[in-house]
C-alpha atoms as a PDB file:
ATOM      1  CA  UNK A   1      -0.221   0.014   0.200  1.00  0.00           C
ATOM      2  CA  UNK A   2       1.882   2.679  -1.439  1.00  0.00           C
ATOM      3  CA  UNK A   3      -0.584   5.404  -1.297  1.00  0.00           C
ATOM      4  CA  UNK A   4      -3.384   6.729   0.402  1.00  0.00           C
ATOM      5  CA  UNK A   5      -5.979   6.061  -2.900  1.00  0.00           C
ATOM      6  CA  UNK A   6      -5.470   2.556  -1.350  1.00  0.00           C
ATOM      7  CA  UNK A   7      -5.400   3.506   2.025  1.00  0.00           C
ATOM      8  CA  UNK A   8      -8.780   5.042   0.995  1.00  0.00           C
ATOM      9  CA  UNK A   9      -9.769   2.207  -0.510  1.00  0.00           C
ATOM     10  CA  UNK A  10      -9.417  -0.597   1.884  1.00  0.00           C
ATOM     11  CA  UNK A  11     -11.218   1.831   4.237  1.00  0.00           C
ATOM     12  CA  UNK A  12     -14.650   1.232   1.803  1.00  0.00           C
ATOM     13  CA  UNK A  13     -14.186  -1.847   0.812  1.00  0.00           C
ATOM     14  CA  UNK A  14     -13.803  -3.303   4.148  1.00  0.00           C
ATOM     15  CA  UNK A  15     -15.520  -0.591   6.128  1.00  0.00           C
ATOM     16  CA  UNK A  16     -12.885  -0.180   8.068  1.00  0.00           C
ATOM     17  CA  UNK A  17     -12.429   2.571  10.821  1.00  0.00           C
ATOM     18  CA  UNK A  18      -9.807   4.235  12.250  1.00  0.00           C
ATOM     19  CA  UNK A  19     -10.338   4.311  15.986  1.00  0.00           C
ATOM     20  CA  UNK A  20     -10.438   7.592  17.903  1.00  0.00           C
ATOM     21  CA  UNK A  21      -7.606   9.594  18.432  1.00  0.00           C
ATOM     22  CA  UNK A  22      -6.720  12.723  20.923  1.00  0.00           C
ATOM     23  CA  UNK A  23      -5.489  15.790  19.293  1.00  0.00           C
ATOM     24  CA  UNK A  24      -2.429  15.772  20.532  1.00  0.00           C
ATOM     25  CA  UNK A  25      -1.412  12.151  19.638  1.00  0.00           C
ATOM     26  CA  UNK A  26      -1.953  13.429  16.353  1.00  0.00           C
ATOM     27  CA  UNK A  27       1.018  16.193  16.092  1.00  0.00           C
ATOM     28  CA  UNK A  28       3.607  14.896  13.256  1.00  0.00           C
ATOM     29  CA  UNK A  29       6.287  13.585  15.592  1.00  0.00           C
ATOM     30  CA  UNK A  30       4.359  12.255  17.902  1.00  0.00           C
ATOM     31  CA  UNK A  31       2.383  10.142  15.806  1.00  0.00           C
ATOM     32  CA  UNK A  32       5.396   8.791  14.103  1.00  0.00           C
ATOM     33  CA  UNK A  33       6.669   7.899  17.445  1.00  0.00           C
ATOM     34  CA  UNK A  34       3.662   6.203  18.350  1.00  0.00           C
ATOM     35  CA  UNK A  35       2.930   4.461  14.903  1.00  0.00           C
ATOM     36  CA  UNK A  36       6.822   2.565  15.510  1.00  0.00           C
ATOM     37  CA  UNK A  37       6.038   1.607  18.916  1.00  0.00           C
ATOM     38  CA  UNK A  38       1.720   0.415  17.724  1.00  0.00           C
ATOM     39  CA  UNK A  39       3.868  -1.807  15.329  1.00  0.00           C
ATOM     40  CA  UNK A  40       6.444  -3.368  18.079  1.00  0.00           C
ATOM     41  CA  UNK A  41       3.058  -4.187  19.841  1.00  0.00           C
ATOM     42  CA  UNK A  42       0.991  -5.931  16.959  1.00  0.00           C
ATOM     43  CA  UNK A  43       4.269  -7.871  16.229  1.00  0.00           C
ATOM     44  CA  UNK A  44       4.973  -9.103  19.240  1.00  0.00           C
ATOM     45  CA  UNK A  45       1.010  -9.811  19.491  1.00  0.00           C
ATOM     46  CA  UNK A  46       1.351 -12.214  16.438  1.00  0.00           C
ATOM     47  CA  UNK A  47       4.261 -13.449  17.817  1.00  0.00           C
ATOM     48  CA  UNK A  48       3.707 -14.539  21.099  1.00  0.00           C
ATOM     49  CA  UNK A  49      -0.278 -13.839  22.475  1.00  0.00           C
ATOM     50  CA  UNK A  50      -3.368 -15.055  20.837  1.00  0.00           C
ATOM     51  CA  UNK A  51      -2.358 -13.360  18.034  1.00  0.00           C
ATOM     52  CA  UNK A  52      -0.384 -16.548  17.013  1.00  0.00           C
ATOM     53  CA  UNK A  53      -3.349 -18.136  16.292  1.00  0.00           C
ATOM     54  CA  UNK A  54      -5.655 -15.788  14.810  1.00  0.00           C
ATOM     55  CA  UNK A  55      -5.321 -14.435  11.008  1.00  0.00           C
ATOM     56  CA  UNK A  56      -3.835 -11.120   9.996  1.00  0.00           C
ATOM     57  CA  UNK A  57      -6.887  -9.248   8.410  1.00  0.00           C
ATOM     58  CA  UNK A  58      -4.867  -6.420   7.716  1.00  0.00           C
ATOM     59  CA  UNK A  59      -6.345  -4.222   9.416  1.00  0.00           C
ATOM     60  CA  UNK A  60      -3.509  -3.216  11.660  1.00  0.00           C
ATOM     61  CA  UNK A  61      -1.663  -2.166   9.233  1.00  0.00           C
ATOM     62  CA  UNK A  62      -3.988  -0.691   7.567  1.00  0.00           C
ATOM     63  CA  UNK A  63      -4.295   2.078  11.198  1.00  0.00           C
ATOM     64  CA  UNK A  64      -0.760   2.246  12.026  1.00  0.00           C
ATOM     65  CA  UNK A  65      -0.501   3.284   8.076  1.00  0.00           C
ATOM     66  CA  UNK A  66      -3.423   6.008   9.012  1.00  0.00           C
ATOM     67  CA  UNK A  67      -1.113   6.786  12.364  1.00  0.00           C
ATOM     68  CA  UNK A  68       1.821   6.958  10.197  1.00  0.00           C
ATOM     69  CA  UNK A  69       0.762   9.774   7.797  1.00  0.00           C
ATOM     70  CA  UNK A  70      -1.975  11.604  10.208  1.00  0.00           C
ATOM     71  CA  UNK A  71      -4.857   9.842   8.564  1.00  0.00           C
ATOM     72  CA  UNK A  72      -7.287   9.799  11.574  1.00  0.00           C
ATOM     73  CA  UNK A  73      -8.794  12.577  10.125  1.00  0.00           C
ATOM     74  CA  UNK A  74     -10.636  11.366   7.424  1.00  0.00           C
ATOM     75  CA  UNK A  75     -12.656   9.340   9.523  1.00  0.00           C
ATOM     76  CA  UNK A  76     -14.324  12.632  10.780  1.00  0.00           C
ATOM     77  CA  UNK A  77     -12.736  12.386  14.174  1.00  0.00           C
ATOM     78  CA  UNK A  78     -14.927  14.250  16.658  1.00  0.00           C
END
C-alpha cells in the first residue's frame, strides 16, 4: 500500500474505521513515534500472544499506515 488512494479503497471496501485519537496524539512527531511503538506491539501480539492462533486481516497495518500519515481525520473524528 504505497499511496493514500489504496488506503481509502481498503477503508471503503472493508468498512474499516480509524480508532478515536486525541488531537495531541495526531501531532507530527508524536504520531510517528506512536506508530513505531504500536507496530512493535502488534508484531509481539502476532508472534507471542493469542494472535498466534488468529489470521491477520490487514486492519492493524491499515491503522498503522493511517497513524503514520495522520489520516485519522479522514474518518471524521469528533
